């Protein structure tokens, strides 16, 4: 049953989801500010943040397993486990795609220094 304790779990879950989303979007913005192309910043930030976001979610889900058998905290644990698992997948796959669609990022907006030849070294004078 979805009672008051389960609702509290859903509110806590929203905090975890928002934190992961803000961390990923902030990393994308930092990469763009450094000078990476927008497409490369989205892909690079998602790849770099994949492990921390996944491990944080896995630790939270595994920590809730002992609460599943409880009559009082069981519904909260179930809501949190399902929500964190699905939200992690959405954060890692849907959020970067949504960011690219929202800002109309094309795959040809790549960092010119990432592919092909390295940038020319400045001539010493």
PDB file of N, CA and C in Angstrom:
ATOM      1  N   UNK A   1       0.820  -1.196   0.000  1.00  0.00           N
ATOM      2  CA  UNK A   1       0.000   0.000   0.000  1.00  0.00           C
ATOM      3  C   UNK A   1       0.864   1.259   0.000  1.00  0.00           C
ATOM      4  N   UNK A   2       0.383   2.239  -0.710  1.00  0.00           N
ATOM      5  CA  UNK A   2       1.115   3.493  -0.840  1.00  0.00           C
ATOM      6  C   UNK A   2       0.627   4.453   0.236  1.00  0.00           C
ATOM      7  N   UNK A   3       1.239   4.390   1.403  1.00  0.00           N
ATOM      8  CA  UNK A   3       0.825   5.215   2.530  1.00  0.00           C
ATOM      9  C   UNK A   3       1.724   6.421   2.715  1.00  0.00           C
ATOM     10  N   UNK A   4       1.645   6.976   3.917  1.00  0.00           N
ATOM     11  CA  UNK A   4       2.389   8.189   4.229  1.00  0.00           C
ATOM     12  C   UNK A   4       3.896   7.963   4.171  1.00  0.00           C
ATOM     13  N   UNK A   5       4.348   6.855   4.697  1.00  0.00           N
ATOM     14  CA  UNK A   5       5.788   6.572   4.706  1.00  0.00           C
ATOM     15  C   UNK A   5       6.309   6.409   3.283  1.00  0.00           C
ATOM     16  N   UNK A   6       5.525   5.787   2.414  1.00  0.00           N
ATOM     17  CA  UNK A   6       5.933   5.650   1.012  1.00  0.00           C
ATOM     18  C   UNK A   6       6.000   7.017   0.338  1.00  0.00           C
ATOM     19  N   UNK A   7       5.074   7.915   0.698  1.00  0.00           N
ATOM     20  CA  UNK A   7       5.133   9.277   0.145  1.00  0.00           C
ATOM     21  C   UNK A   7       6.398   9.998   0.589  1.00  0.00           C
ATOM     22  N   UNK A   8       6.791   9.807   1.832  1.00  0.00           N
ATOM     23  CA  UNK A   8       8.049  10.395   2.300  1.00  0.00           C
ATOM     24  C   UNK A   8       9.230   9.839   1.508  1.00  0.00           C
ATOM     25  N   UNK A   9       9.175   8.555   1.198  1.00  0.00           N
ATOM     26  CA  UNK A   9      10.224   7.949   0.380  1.00  0.00           C
ATOM     27  C   UNK A   9      10.290   8.549  -1.011  1.00  0.00           C
ATOM     28  N   UNK A  10       9.135   8.841  -1.587  1.00  0.00           N
ATOM     29  CA  UNK A  10       9.100   9.451  -2.922  1.00  0.00           C
ATOM     30  C   UNK A  10       9.676  10.862  -2.868  1.00  0.00           C
ATOM     31  N   UNK A  11       9.386  11.605  -1.809  1.00  0.00           N
ATOM     32  CA  UNK A  11       9.952  12.951  -1.664  1.00  0.00           C
ATOM     33  C   UNK A  11      11.472  12.868  -1.547  1.00  0.00           C
ATOM     34  N   UNK A  12      11.975  11.916  -0.774  1.00  0.00           N
ATOM     35  CA  UNK A  12      13.425  11.729  -0.665  1.00  0.00           C
ATOM     36  C   UNK A  12      14.022  11.324  -2.006  1.00  0.00           C
ATOM     37  N   UNK A  13      13.284  10.507  -2.752  1.00  0.00           N
ATOM     38  CA  UNK A  13      13.763  10.065  -4.063  1.00  0.00           C
ATOM     39  C   UNK A  13      13.915  11.250  -5.011  1.00  0.00           C
ATOM     40  N   UNK A  14      12.973  12.202  -4.966  1.00  0.00           N
ATOM     41  CA  UNK A  14      13.076  13.379  -5.824  1.00  0.00           C
ATOM     42  C   UNK A  14      14.354  14.158  -5.540  1.00  0.00           C
ATOM     43  N   UNK A  15      14.760  14.216  -4.286  1.00  0.00           N
ATOM     44  CA  UNK A  15      16.009  14.891  -3.945  1.00  0.00           C
ATOM     45  C   UNK A  15      17.215  14.209  -4.565  1.00  0.00           C
ATOM     46  N   UNK A  16      17.244  12.902  -4.525  1.00  0.00           N
ATOM     47  CA  UNK A  16      18.347  12.144  -5.121  1.00  0.00           C
ATOM     48  C   UNK A  16      18.370  12.340  -6.631  1.00  0.00           C
ATOM     49  N   UNK A  17      17.196  12.298  -7.253  1.00  0.00           N
ATOM     50  CA  UNK A  17      17.106  12.463  -8.705  1.00  0.00           C
ATOM     51  C   UNK A  17      17.579  13.849  -9.118  1.00  0.00           C
ATOM     52  N   UNK A  18      17.129  14.866  -8.410  1.00  0.00           N
ATOM     53  CA  UNK A  18      17.514  16.241  -8.747  1.00  0.00           C
ATOM     54  C   UNK A  18      19.017  16.444  -8.588  1.00  0.00           C
ATOM     55  N   UNK A  19      19.581  15.876  -7.538  1.00  0.00           N
ATOM     56  CA  UNK A  19      21.021  16.023  -7.320  1.00  0.00           C
ATOM     57  C   UNK A  19      21.804  15.417  -8.479  1.00  0.00           C
ATOM     58  N   UNK A  20      21.433  14.214  -8.900  1.00  0.00           N
ATOM     59  CA  UNK A  20      22.131  13.577 -10.018  1.00  0.00           C
ATOM     60  C   UNK A  20      21.971  14.378 -11.304  1.00  0.00           C
ATOM     61  N   UNK A  21      20.787  14.908 -11.533  1.00  0.00           N
ATOM     62  CA  UNK A  21      20.542  15.689 -12.749  1.00  0.00           C
ATOM     63  C   UNK A  21      21.343  16.982 -12.741  1.00  0.00           C
ATOM     64  N   UNK A  22      21.369  17.658 -11.601  1.00  0.00           N
ATOM     65  CA  UNK A  22      22.117  18.914 -11.502  1.00  0.00           C
ATOM     66  C   UNK A  22      23.606  18.658 -11.683  1.00  0.00           C
ATOM     67  N   UNK A  23      24.111  17.584 -11.105  1.00  0.00           N
ATOM     68  CA  UNK A  23      25.531  17.258 -11.250  1.00  0.00           C
ATOM     69  C   UNK A  23      25.880  17.024 -12.716  1.00  0.00           C
ATOM     70  N   UNK A  24      25.042  16.289 -13.434  1.00  0.00           N
ATOM     71  CA  UNK A  24      25.327  15.992 -14.838  1.00  0.00           C
ATOM     72  C   UNK A  24      25.242  17.244 -15.702  1.00  0.00           C
ATOM     73  N   UNK A  25      24.206  18.044 -15.523  1.00  0.00           N
ATOM     74  CA  UNK A  25      24.065  19.262 -16.328  1.00  0.00           C
ATOM     75  C   UNK A  25      25.180  20.249 -16.001  1.00  0.00           C
ATOM     76  N   UNK A  26      25.569  20.351 -14.734  1.00  0.00           N
ATOM     77  CA  UNK A  26      26.667  21.239 -14.359  1.00  0.00           C
ATOM     78  C   UNK A  26      27.976  20.786 -14.993  1.00  0.00           C
ATOM     79  N   UNK A  27      28.210  19.490 -15.051  1.00  0.00           N
ATOM     80  CA  UNK A  27      29.423  18.984 -15.700  1.00  0.00           C
ATOM     81  C   UNK A  27      29.421  19.310 -17.186  1.00  0.00           C
ATOM     82  N   UNK A  28      28.271  19.203 -17.834  1.00  0.00           N
ATOM     83  CA  UNK A  28      28.163  19.568 -19.255  1.00  0.00           C
ATOM     84  C   UNK A  28      28.489  21.042 -19.433  1.00  0.00           C
ATOM     85  N   UNK A  29      27.925  21.890 -18.579  1.00  0.00           N
ATOM     86  CA  UNK A  29      28.165  23.333 -18.679  1.00  0.00           C
ATOM     87  C   UNK A  29      29.637  23.670 -18.420  1.00  0.00           C
ATOM     88  N   UNK A  30      30.267  22.990 -17.479  1.00  0.00           N
ATOM     89  CA  UNK A  30      31.689  23.220 -17.217  1.00  0.00           C
ATOM     90  C   UNK A  30      32.536  22.834 -18.422  1.00  0.00           C
ATOM     91  N   UNK A  31      32.211  21.718 -19.059  1.00  0.00           N
ATOM     92  CA  UNK A  31      32.961  21.291 -20.238  1.00  0.00           C
ATOM     93  C   UNK A  31      32.806  22.285 -21.382  1.00  0.00           C
ATOM     94  N   UNK A  32      31.610  22.817 -21.549  1.00  0.00           N
ATOM     95  CA  UNK A  32      31.389  23.817 -22.595  1.00  0.00           C
ATOM     96  C   UNK A  32      32.175  25.086 -22.274  1.00  0.00           C
ATOM     97  N   UNK A  33      32.201  25.493 -20.998  1.00  0.00           N
ATOM     98  CA  UNK A  33      32.927  26.698 -20.597  1.00  0.00           C
ATOM     99  C   UNK A  33      34.427  26.553 -20.814  1.00  0.00           C
ATOM    100  N   UNK A  34      34.936  25.337 -20.687  1.00  0.00           N
ATOM    101  CA  UNK A  34      36.367  25.099 -20.900  1.00  0.00           C
ATOM    102  C   UNK A  34      36.726  25.200 -22.378  1.00  0.00           C
ATOM    103  N   UNK A  35      35.745  24.981 -23.253  1.00  0.00           N
ATOM    104  CA  UNK A  35      36.010  25.111 -24.671  1.00  0.00           C
ATOM    105  C   UNK A  35      35.693  23.890 -25.502  1.00  0.00           C
ATOM    106  N   UNK A  36      35.141  22.860 -24.892  1.00  0.00           N
ATOM    107  CA  UNK A  36      34.747  21.683 -25.661  1.00  0.00           C
ATOM    108  C   UNK A  36      33.531  22.016 -26.510  1.00  0.00           C
ATOM    109  N   UNK A  37      33.385  21.307 -27.620  1.00  0.00           N
ATOM    110  CA  UNK A  37      32.183  21.442 -28.420  1.00  0.00           C
ATOM    111  C   UNK A  37      30.979  20.953 -27.625  1.00  0.00           C
ATOM    112  N   UNK A  38      29.798  21.446 -27.950  1.00  0.00           N
ATOM    113  CA  UNK A  38      28.619  21.091 -27.153  1.00  0.00           C
ATOM    114  C   UNK A  38      28.317  19.598 -27.213  1.00  0.00           C
ATOM    115  N   UNK A  39      28.431  18.994 -28.385  1.00  0.00           N
ATOM    116  CA  UNK A  39      28.166  17.558 -28.504  1.00  0.00           C
ATOM    117  C   UNK A  39      29.178  16.756 -27.697  1.00  0.00           C
ATOM    118  N   UNK A  40      30.454  17.098 -27.831  1.00  0.00           N
ATOM    119  CA  UNK A  40      31.494  16.390 -27.083  1.00  0.00           C
ATOM    120  C   UNK A  40      31.354  16.608 -25.579  1.00  0.00           C
ATOM    121  N   UNK A  41      30.894  17.789 -25.177  1.00  0.00           N
ATOM    122  CA  UNK A  41      30.689  18.058 -23.755  1.00  0.00           C
ATOM    123  C   UNK A  41      29.577  17.177 -23.194  1.00  0.00           C
ATOM    124  N   UNK A  42      28.509  17.003 -23.961  1.00  0.00           N
ATOM    125  CA  UNK A  42      27.396  16.162 -23.501  1.00  0.00           C
ATOM    126  C   UNK A  42      27.845  14.713 -23.369  1.00  0.00           C
ATOM    127  N   UNK A  43      28.504  14.204 -24.399  1.00  0.00           N
ATOM    128  CA  UNK A  43      28.952  12.807 -24.378  1.00  0.00           C
ATOM    129  C   UNK A  43      30.019  12.601 -23.302  1.00  0.00           C
ATOM    130  N   UNK A  44      30.986  13.499 -23.240  1.00  0.00           N
ATOM    131  CA  UNK A  44      32.072  13.363 -22.272  1.00  0.00           C
ATOM    132  C   UNK A  44      31.600  13.436 -20.831  1.00  0.00           C
ATOM    133  N   UNK A  45      30.718  14.378 -20.548  1.00  0.00           N
ATOM    134  CA  UNK A  45      30.211  14.509 -19.177  1.00  0.00           C
ATOM    135  C   UNK A  45      29.391  13.288 -18.781  1.00  0.00           C
ATOM    136  N   UNK A  46      28.609  12.772 -19.709  1.00  0.00           N
ATOM    137  CA  UNK A  46      27.800  11.589 -19.404  1.00  0.00           C
ATOM    138  C   UNK A  46      28.688  10.373 -19.156  1.00  0.00           C
ATOM    139  N   UNK A  47      29.720  10.214 -19.952  1.00  0.00           N
ATOM    140  CA  UNK A  47      30.638   9.082 -19.768  1.00  0.00           C
ATOM    141  C   UNK A  47      31.392   9.217 -18.445  1.00  0.00           C
ATOM    142  N   UNK A  48      31.873  10.435 -18.133  1.00  0.00           N
ATOM    143  CA  UNK A  48      32.619  10.633 -16.891  1.00  0.00           C
ATOM    144  C   UNK A  48      31.747  10.489 -15.652  1.00  0.00           C
ATOM    145  N   UNK A  49      30.498  10.868 -15.709  1.00  0.00           N
ATOM    146  CA  UNK A  49      29.602  10.812 -14.551  1.00  0.00           C
ATOM    147  C   UNK A  49      28.820   9.505 -14.462  1.00  0.00           C
ATOM    148  N   UNK A  50      28.995   8.613 -15.438  1.00  0.00           N
ATOM    149  CA  UNK A  50      28.252   7.350 -15.441  1.00  0.00           C
ATOM    150  C   UNK A  50      28.541   6.530 -14.189  1.00  0.00           C
ATOM    151  N   UNK A  51      29.808   6.315 -13.894  1.00  0.00           N
ATOM    152  CA  UNK A  51      30.169   5.472 -12.758  1.00  0.00           C
ATOM    153  C   UNK A  51      29.749   6.085 -11.417  1.00  0.00           C
ATOM    154  N   UNK A  52      30.032   7.370 -11.143  1.00  0.00           N
ATOM    155  CA  UNK A  52      29.593   7.906  -9.846  1.00  0.00           C
ATOM    156  C   UNK A  52      28.074   7.871  -9.650  1.00  0.00           C
ATOM    157  N   UNK A  53      27.322   8.194 -10.690  1.00  0.00           N
ATOM    158  CA  UNK A  53      25.864   8.191 -10.563  1.00  0.00           C
ATOM    159  C   UNK A  53      25.354   6.768 -10.374  1.00  0.00           C
ATOM    160  N   UNK A  54      25.896   5.828 -11.137  1.00  0.00           N
ATOM    161  CA  UNK A  54      25.458   4.437 -11.034  1.00  0.00           C
ATOM    162  C   UNK A  54      25.811   3.837  -9.676  1.00  0.00           C
ATOM    163  N   UNK A  55      27.014   4.091  -9.204  1.00  0.00           N
ATOM    164  CA  UNK A  55      27.423   3.526  -7.918  1.00  0.00           C
ATOM    165  C   UNK A  55      26.637   4.131  -6.761  1.00  0.00           C
ATOM    166  N   UNK A  56      26.339   5.414  -6.824  1.00  0.00           N
ATOM    167  CA  UNK A  56      25.532   6.042  -5.781  1.00  0.00           C
ATOM    168  C   UNK A  56      24.137   5.433  -5.744  1.00  0.00           C
ATOM    169  N   UNK A  57      23.547   5.250  -6.909  1.00  0.00           N
ATOM    170  CA  UNK A  57      22.209   4.654  -6.974  1.00  0.00           C
ATOM    171  C   UNK A  57      22.235   3.206  -6.505  1.00  0.00           C
ATOM    172  N   UNK A  58      23.253   2.458  -6.910  1.00  0.00           N
ATOM    173  CA  UNK A  58      23.346   1.055  -6.494  1.00  0.00           C
ATOM    174  C   UNK A  58      23.515   0.943  -4.982  1.00  0.00           C
ATOM    175  N   UNK A  59      24.323   1.818  -4.396  1.00  0.00           N
ATOM    176  CA  UNK A  59      24.500   1.792  -2.942  1.00  0.00           C
ATOM    177  C   UNK A  59      23.192   2.106  -2.224  1.00  0.00           C
ATOM    178  N   UNK A  60      22.443   3.070  -2.742  1.00  0.00           N
ATOM    179  CA  UNK A  60      21.159   3.415  -2.119  1.00  0.00           C
ATOM    180  C   UNK A  60      20.164   2.265  -2.230  1.00  0.00           C
ATOM    181  N   UNK A  61      20.105   1.646  -3.395  1.00  0.00           N
ATOM    182  CA  UNK A  61      19.166   0.533  -3.591  1.00  0.00           C
ATOM    183  C   UNK A  61      19.555  -0.655  -2.712  1.00  0.00           C
ATOM    184  N   UNK A  62      20.827  -0.984  -2.667  1.00  0.00           N
ATOM    185  CA  UNK A  62      21.268  -2.115  -1.843  1.00  0.00           C
ATOM    186  C   UNK A  62      21.068  -1.843  -0.355  1.00  0.00           C
ATOM    187  N   UNK A  63      21.200  -0.592   0.062  1.00  0.00           N
ATOM    188  CA  UNK A  63      20.998  -0.258   1.471  1.00  0.00           C
ATOM    189  C   UNK A  63      19.537  -0.399   1.884  1.00  0.00           C
ATOM    190  N   UNK A  64      18.629  -0.336   0.930  1.00  0.00           N
ATOM    191  CA  UNK A  64      17.202  -0.434   1.245  1.00  0.00           C
ATOM    192  C   UNK A  64      16.687  -1.873   1.295  1.00  0.00           C
ATOM    193  N   UNK A  65      17.482  -2.822   0.858  1.00  0.00           N
ATOM    194  CA  UNK A  65      17.035  -4.221   0.833  1.00  0.00           C
ATOM    195  C   UNK A  65      16.596  -4.723   2.212  1.00  0.00           C
ATOM    196  N   UNK A  66      17.330  -4.443   3.298  1.00  0.00           N
ATOM    197  CA  UNK A  66      16.873  -4.939   4.605  1.00  0.00           C
ATOM    198  C   UNK A  66      15.511  -4.381   5.039  1.00  0.00           C
ATOM    199  N   UNK A  67      15.122  -3.234   4.523  1.00  0.00           N
ATOM    200  CA  UNK A  67      13.842  -2.638   4.914  1.00  0.00           C
ATOM    201  C   UNK A  67      12.645  -3.239   4.188  1.00  0.00           C
ATOM    202  N   UNK A  68      12.880  -4.031   3.157  1.00  0.00           N
ATOM    203  CA  UNK A  68      11.778  -4.568   2.361  1.00  0.00           C
ATOM    204  C   UNK A  68      10.823  -5.440   3.170  1.00  0.00           C
ATOM    205  N   UNK A  69      11.329  -6.154   4.149  1.00  0.00           N
ATOM    206  CA  UNK A  69      10.489  -7.084   4.918  1.00  0.00           C
ATOM    207  C   UNK A  69       9.705  -6.395   6.025  1.00  0.00           C
ATOM    208  N   UNK A  70      10.014  -5.139   6.285  1.00  0.00           N
ATOM    209  CA  UNK A  70       9.332  -4.403   7.345  1.00  0.00           C
ATOM    210  C   UNK A  70       7.924  -4.004   6.908  1.00  0.00           C
ATOM    211  N   UNK A  71       6.974  -4.154   7.820  1.00  0.00           N
ATOM    212  CA  UNK A  71       5.609  -3.735   7.508  1.00  0.00           C
ATOM    213  C   UNK A  71       5.495  -2.219   7.414  1.00  0.00           C
ATOM    214  N   UNK A  72       6.275  -1.515   8.218  1.00  0.00           N
ATOM    215  CA  UNK A  72       6.174  -0.061   8.257  1.00  0.00           C
ATOM    216  C   UNK A  72       6.995   0.597   7.150  1.00  0.00           C
ATOM    217  N   UNK A  73       8.248   0.164   6.984  1.00  0.00           N
ATOM    218  CA  UNK A  73       9.144   0.795   6.016  1.00  0.00           C
ATOM    219  C   UNK A  73       9.204   0.082   4.671  1.00  0.00           C
ATOM    220  N   UNK A  74       8.567  -1.059   4.535  1.00  0.00           N
ATOM    221  CA  UNK A  74       8.598  -1.816   3.286  1.00  0.00           C
ATOM    222  C   UNK A  74       8.082  -1.048   2.080  1.00  0.00           C
ATOM    223  N   UNK A  75       6.920  -0.394   2.181  1.00  0.00           N
ATOM    224  CA  UNK A  75       6.435   0.377   1.028  1.00  0.00           C
ATOM    225  C   UNK A  75       7.364   1.526   0.634  1.00  0.00           C
ATOM    226  N   UNK A  76       7.970   2.165   1.640  1.00  0.00           N
ATOM    227  CA  UNK A  76       8.911   3.242   1.344  1.00  0.00           C
ATOM    228  C   UNK A  76      10.134   2.692   0.620  1.00  0.00           C
ATOM    229  N   UNK A  77      10.651   1.570   1.094  1.00  0.00           N
ATOM    230  CA  UNK A  77      11.822   0.970   0.466  1.00  0.00           C
ATOM    231  C   UNK A  77      11.515   0.552  -0.962  1.00  0.00           C
ATOM    232  N   UNK A  78      10.334  -0.003  -1.180  1.00  0.00           N
ATOM    233  CA  UNK A  78       9.946  -0.412  -2.533  1.00  0.00           C
ATOM    234  C   UNK A  78       9.845   0.788  -3.462  1.00  0.00           C
ATOM    235  N   UNK A  79       9.209   1.858  -2.982  1.00  0.00           N
ATOM    236  CA  UNK A  79       9.074   3.066  -3.801  1.00  0.00           C
ATOM    237  C   UNK A  79      10.436   3.675  -4.111  1.00  0.00           C
ATOM    238  N   UNK A  80      11.300   3.732  -3.108  1.00  0.00           N
ATOM    239  CA  UNK A  80      12.636   4.294  -3.325  1.00  0.00           C
ATOM    240  C   UNK A  80      13.466   3.444  -4.281  1.00  0.00           C
ATOM    241  N   UNK A  81      13.434   2.135  -4.099  1.00  0.00           N
ATOM    242  CA  UNK A  81      14.243   1.259  -4.950  1.00  0.00           C
ATOM    243  C   UNK A  81      13.812   1.347  -6.410  1.00  0.00           C
ATOM    244  N   UNK A  82      12.532   1.276  -6.652  1.00  0.00           N
ATOM    245  CA  UNK A  82      12.049   1.372  -8.028  1.00  0.00           C
ATOM    246  C   UNK A  82      12.290   2.738  -8.630  1.00  0.00           C
ATOM    247  N   UNK A  83      12.052   3.768  -7.846  1.00  0.00           N
ATOM    248  CA  UNK A  83      12.238   5.125  -8.349  1.00  0.00           C
ATOM    249  C   UNK A  83      13.687   5.462  -8.628  1.00  0.00           C
ATOM    250  N   UNK A  84      14.573   5.084  -7.735  1.00  0.00           N
ATOM    251  CA  UNK A  84      15.994   5.377  -7.930  1.00  0.00           C
ATOM    252  C   UNK A  84      16.535   4.614  -9.131  1.00  0.00           C
ATOM    253  N   UNK A  85      16.132   3.364  -9.275  1.00  0.00           N
ATOM    254  CA  UNK A  85      16.606   2.571 -10.414  1.00  0.00           C
ATOM    255  C   UNK A  85      16.150   3.169 -11.738  1.00  0.00           C
ATOM    256  N   UNK A  86      14.874   3.464 -11.841  1.00  0.00           N
ATOM    257  CA  UNK A  86      14.368   4.017 -13.108  1.00  0.00           C
ATOM    258  C   UNK A  86      14.887   5.429 -13.345  1.00  0.00           C
ATOM    259  N   UNK A  87      15.005   6.221 -12.294  1.00  0.00           N
ATOM    260  CA  UNK A  87      15.500   7.589 -12.460  1.00  0.00           C
ATOM    261  C   UNK A  87      16.972   7.616 -12.859  1.00  0.00           C
ATOM    262  N   UNK A  88      17.745   6.654 -12.397  1.00  0.00           N
ATOM    263  CA  UNK A  88      19.152   6.595 -12.787  1.00  0.00           C
ATOM    264  C   UNK A  88      19.283   6.307 -14.277  1.00  0.00           C
ATOM    265  N   UNK A  89      18.484   5.384 -14.764  1.00  0.00           N
ATOM    266  CA  UNK A  89      18.499   5.085 -16.204  1.00  0.00           C
ATOM    267  C   UNK A  89      18.081   6.315 -17.001  1.00  0.00           C
ATOM    268  N   UNK A  90      17.045   6.998 -16.547  1.00  0.00           N
ATOM    269  CA  UNK A  90      16.590   8.202 -17.251  1.00  0.00           C
ATOM    270  C   UNK A  90      17.629   9.320 -17.184  1.00  0.00           C
ATOM    271  N   UNK A  91      18.297   9.462 -16.042  1.00  0.00           N
ATOM    272  CA  UNK A  91      19.314  10.501 -15.905  1.00  0.00           C
ATOM    273  C   UNK A  91      20.471  10.269 -16.858  1.00  0.00           C
ATOM    274  N   UNK A  92      20.867   9.027 -17.025  1.00  0.00           N
ATOM    275  CA  UNK A  92      22.044   8.737 -17.842  1.00  0.00           C
ATOM    276  C   UNK A  92      21.756   8.666 -19.337  1.00  0.00           C
ATOM    277  N   UNK A  93      20.530   8.377 -19.720  1.00  0.00           N
ATOM    278  CA  UNK A  93      20.234   8.230 -21.144  1.00  0.00           C
ATOM    279  C   UNK A  93      19.280   9.297 -21.671  1.00  0.00           C
ATOM    280  N   UNK A  94      18.250   9.607 -20.919  1.00  0.00           N
ATOM    281  CA  UNK A  94      17.250  10.550 -21.405  1.00  0.00           C
ATOM    282  C   UNK A  94      17.691  11.999 -21.204  1.00  0.00           C
ATOM    283  N   UNK A  95      18.306  12.306 -20.068  1.00  0.00           N
ATOM    284  CA  UNK A  95      18.704  13.685 -19.780  1.00  0.00           C
ATOM    285  C   UNK A  95      19.708  14.239 -20.789  1.00  0.00           C
ATOM    286  N   UNK A  96      20.769  13.512 -21.159  1.00  0.00           N
ATOM    287  CA  UNK A  96      21.666  14.053 -22.189  1.00  0.00           C
ATOM    288  C   UNK A  96      20.965  14.252 -23.534  1.00  0.00           C
ATOM    289  N   UNK A  97      20.080  13.335 -23.895  1.00  0.00           N
ATOM    290  CA  UNK A  97      19.336  13.491 -25.149  1.00  0.00           C
ATOM    291  C   UNK A  97      18.394  14.682 -25.074  1.00  0.00           C
ATOM    292  N   UNK A  98      17.756  14.874 -23.936  1.00  0.00           N
ATOM    293  CA  UNK A  98      16.873  16.024 -23.753  1.00  0.00           C
ATOM    294  C   UNK A  98      17.662  17.325 -23.802  1.00  0.00           C
ATOM    295  N   UNK A  99      18.843  17.344 -23.192  1.00  0.00           N
ATOM    296  CA  UNK A  99      19.704  18.526 -23.226  1.00  0.00           C
ATOM    297  C   UNK A  99      20.083  18.856 -24.664  1.00  0.00           C
ATOM    298  N   UNK A 100      20.477  17.844 -25.418  1.00  0.00           N
ATOM    299  CA  UNK A 100      20.861  18.060 -26.817  1.00  0.00           C
ATOM    300  C   UNK A 100      19.678  18.533 -27.643  1.00  0.00           C
ATOM    301  N   UNK A 101      18.502  17.991 -27.402  1.00  0.00           N
ATOM    302  CA  UNK A 101      17.320  18.411 -28.154  1.00  0.00           C
ATOM    303  C   UNK A 101      16.889  19.818 -27.758  1.00  0.00           C
ATOM    304  N   UNK A 102      16.956  20.128 -26.474  1.00  0.00           N
ATOM    305  CA  UNK A 102      16.515  21.434 -25.993  1.00  0.00           C
ATOM    306  C   UNK A 102      17.385  22.553 -26.563  1.00  0.00           C
ATOM    307  N   UNK A 103      18.698  22.337 -26.590  1.00  0.00           N
ATOM    308  CA  UNK A 103      19.618  23.352 -27.091  1.00  0.00           C
ATOM    309  C   UNK A 103      19.975  23.137 -28.557  1.00  0.00           C
ATOM    310  N   UNK A 104      19.286  22.213 -29.217  1.00  0.00           N
ATOM    311  CA  UNK A 104      19.467  21.919 -30.642  1.00  0.00           C
ATOM    312  C   UNK A 104      20.943  21.668 -30.986  1.00  0.00           C
ATOM    313  N   UNK A 105      21.533  20.748 -30.245  1.00  0.00           N
ATOM    314  CA  UNK A 105      22.928  20.385 -30.458  1.00  0.00           C
ATOM    315  C   UNK A 105      22.986  19.329 -31.547  1.00  0.00           C
ATOM    316  N   UNK A 106      23.836  19.536 -32.517  1.00  0.00           N
ATOM    317  CA  UNK A 106      24.034  18.583 -33.609  1.00  0.00           C
ATOM    318  C   UNK A 106      25.350  17.846 -33.377  1.00  0.00           C
ATOM    319  N   UNK A 107      25.456  16.656 -33.943  1.00  0.00           N
ATOM    320  CA  UNK A 107      26.685  15.886 -33.756  1.00  0.00           C
ATOM    321  C   UNK A 107      27.863  16.501 -34.497  1.00  0.00           C
ATOM    322  N   UNK A 108      27.599  17.428 -35.428  1.00  0.00           N
ATOM    323  CA  UNK A 108      28.709  18.075 -36.122  1.00  0.00           C
ATOM    324  C   UNK A 108      29.270  19.249 -35.328  1.00  0.00           C
ATOM    325  N   UNK A 109      28.702  19.547 -34.155  1.00  0.00           N
ATOM    326  CA  UNK A 109      29.228  20.604 -33.292  1.00  0.00           C
ATOM    327  C   UNK A 109      30.264  20.004 -32.351  1.00  0.00           C
ATOM    328  N   UNK A 110      31.272  19.416 -32.926  1.00  0.00           N
ATOM    329  CA  UNK A 110      32.298  18.742 -32.149  1.00  0.00           C
ATOM    330  C   UNK A 110      33.444  19.688 -31.873  1.00  0.00           C
ATOM    331  N   UNK A 111      34.261  19.312 -30.909  1.00  0.00           N
ATOM    332  CA  UNK A 111      35.457  20.074 -30.586  1.00  0.00           C
ATOM    333  C   UNK A 111      36.464  19.870 -31.709  1.00  0.00           C
ATOM    334  N   UNK A 112      36.920  20.922 -32.364  1.00  0.00           N
ATOM    335  CA  UNK A 112      37.844  20.741 -33.480  1.00  0.00           C
ATOM    336  C   UNK A 112      39.188  20.154 -33.063  1.00  0.00           C
ATOM    337  N   UNK A 113      39.522  20.215 -31.777  1.00  0.00           N
ATOM    338  CA  UNK A 113      40.810  19.700 -31.319  1.00  0.00           C
ATOM    339  C   UNK A 113      40.754  18.227 -30.948  1.00  0.00           C
ATOM    340  N   UNK A 114      39.559  17.622 -30.907  1.00  0.00           N
ATOM    341  CA  UNK A 114      39.447  16.224 -30.493  1.00  0.00           C
ATOM    342  C   UNK A 114      39.732  15.231 -31.605  1.00  0.00           C
ATOM    343  N   UNK A 115      39.434  15.567 -32.830  1.00  0.00           N
ATOM    344  CA  UNK A 115      39.611  14.612 -33.913  1.00  0.00           C
ATOM    345  C   UNK A 115      40.660  15.082 -34.901  1.00  0.00           C
ATOM    346  N   UNK A 116      41.214  14.132 -35.594  1.00  0.00           N
ATOM    347  CA  UNK A 116      42.154  14.486 -36.653  1.00  0.00           C
ATOM    348  C   UNK A 116      43.493  14.924 -36.113  1.00  0.00           C
ATOM    349  N   UNK A 117      43.965  16.034 -36.596  1.00  0.00           N
ATOM    350  CA  UNK A 117      45.294  16.505 -36.235  1.00  0.00           C
ATOM    351  C   UNK A 117      45.229  17.370 -34.986  1.00  0.00           C
ATOM    352  N   UNK A 118      46.264  17.316 -34.168  1.00  0.00           N
ATOM    353  CA  UNK A 118      46.283  18.167 -32.984  1.00  0.00           C
ATOM    354  C   UNK A 118      46.483  19.628 -33.387  1.00  0.00           C
ATOM    355  N   UNK A 119      46.112  20.566 -32.521  1.00  0.00           N
ATOM    356  CA  UNK A 119      46.299  21.976 -32.863  1.00  0.00           C
ATOM    357  C   UNK A 119      47.779  22.301 -33.004  1.00  0.00           C
ATOM    358  N   UNK A 120      48.066  23.234 -33.868  1.00  0.00           N
ATOM    359  CA  UNK A 120      49.452  23.622 -34.117  1.00  0.00           C
ATOM    360  C   UNK A 120      50.023  24.318 -32.891  1.00  0.00           C
ATOM    361  N   UNK A 121      51.278  24.008 -32.604  1.00  0.00           N
ATOM    362  CA  UNK A 121      51.945  24.654 -31.481  1.00  0.00           C
ATOM    363  C   UNK A 121      52.313  26.078 -31.876  1.00  0.00           C
ATOM    364  N   UNK A 122      52.223  27.022 -30.941  1.00  0.00           N
ATOM    365  CA  UNK A 122      52.586  28.398 -31.282  1.00  0.00           C
ATOM    366  C   UNK A 122      54.074  28.490 -31.589  1.00  0.00           C
ATOM    367  N   UNK A 123      54.390  29.287 -32.573  1.00  0.00           N
ATOM    368  CA  UNK A 123      55.798  29.442 -32.953  1.00  0.00           C
ATOM    369  C   UNK A 123      56.479  30.370 -31.959  1.00  0.00           C
ATOM    370  N   UNK A 124      57.644  29.969 -31.534  1.00  0.00           N
ATOM    371  CA  UNK A 124      58.380  30.771 -30.555  1.00  0.00           C
ATOM    372  C   UNK A 124      59.136  31.905 -31.240  1.00  0.00           C
ATOM    373  N   UNK A 125      58.919  33.110 -30.778  1.00  0.00           N
ATOM    374  CA  UNK A 125      59.615  34.256 -31.376  1.00  0.00           C
ATOM    375  C   UNK A 125      60.248  35.088 -30.319  1.00  0.00           C
TER     376      UNK A 125
END
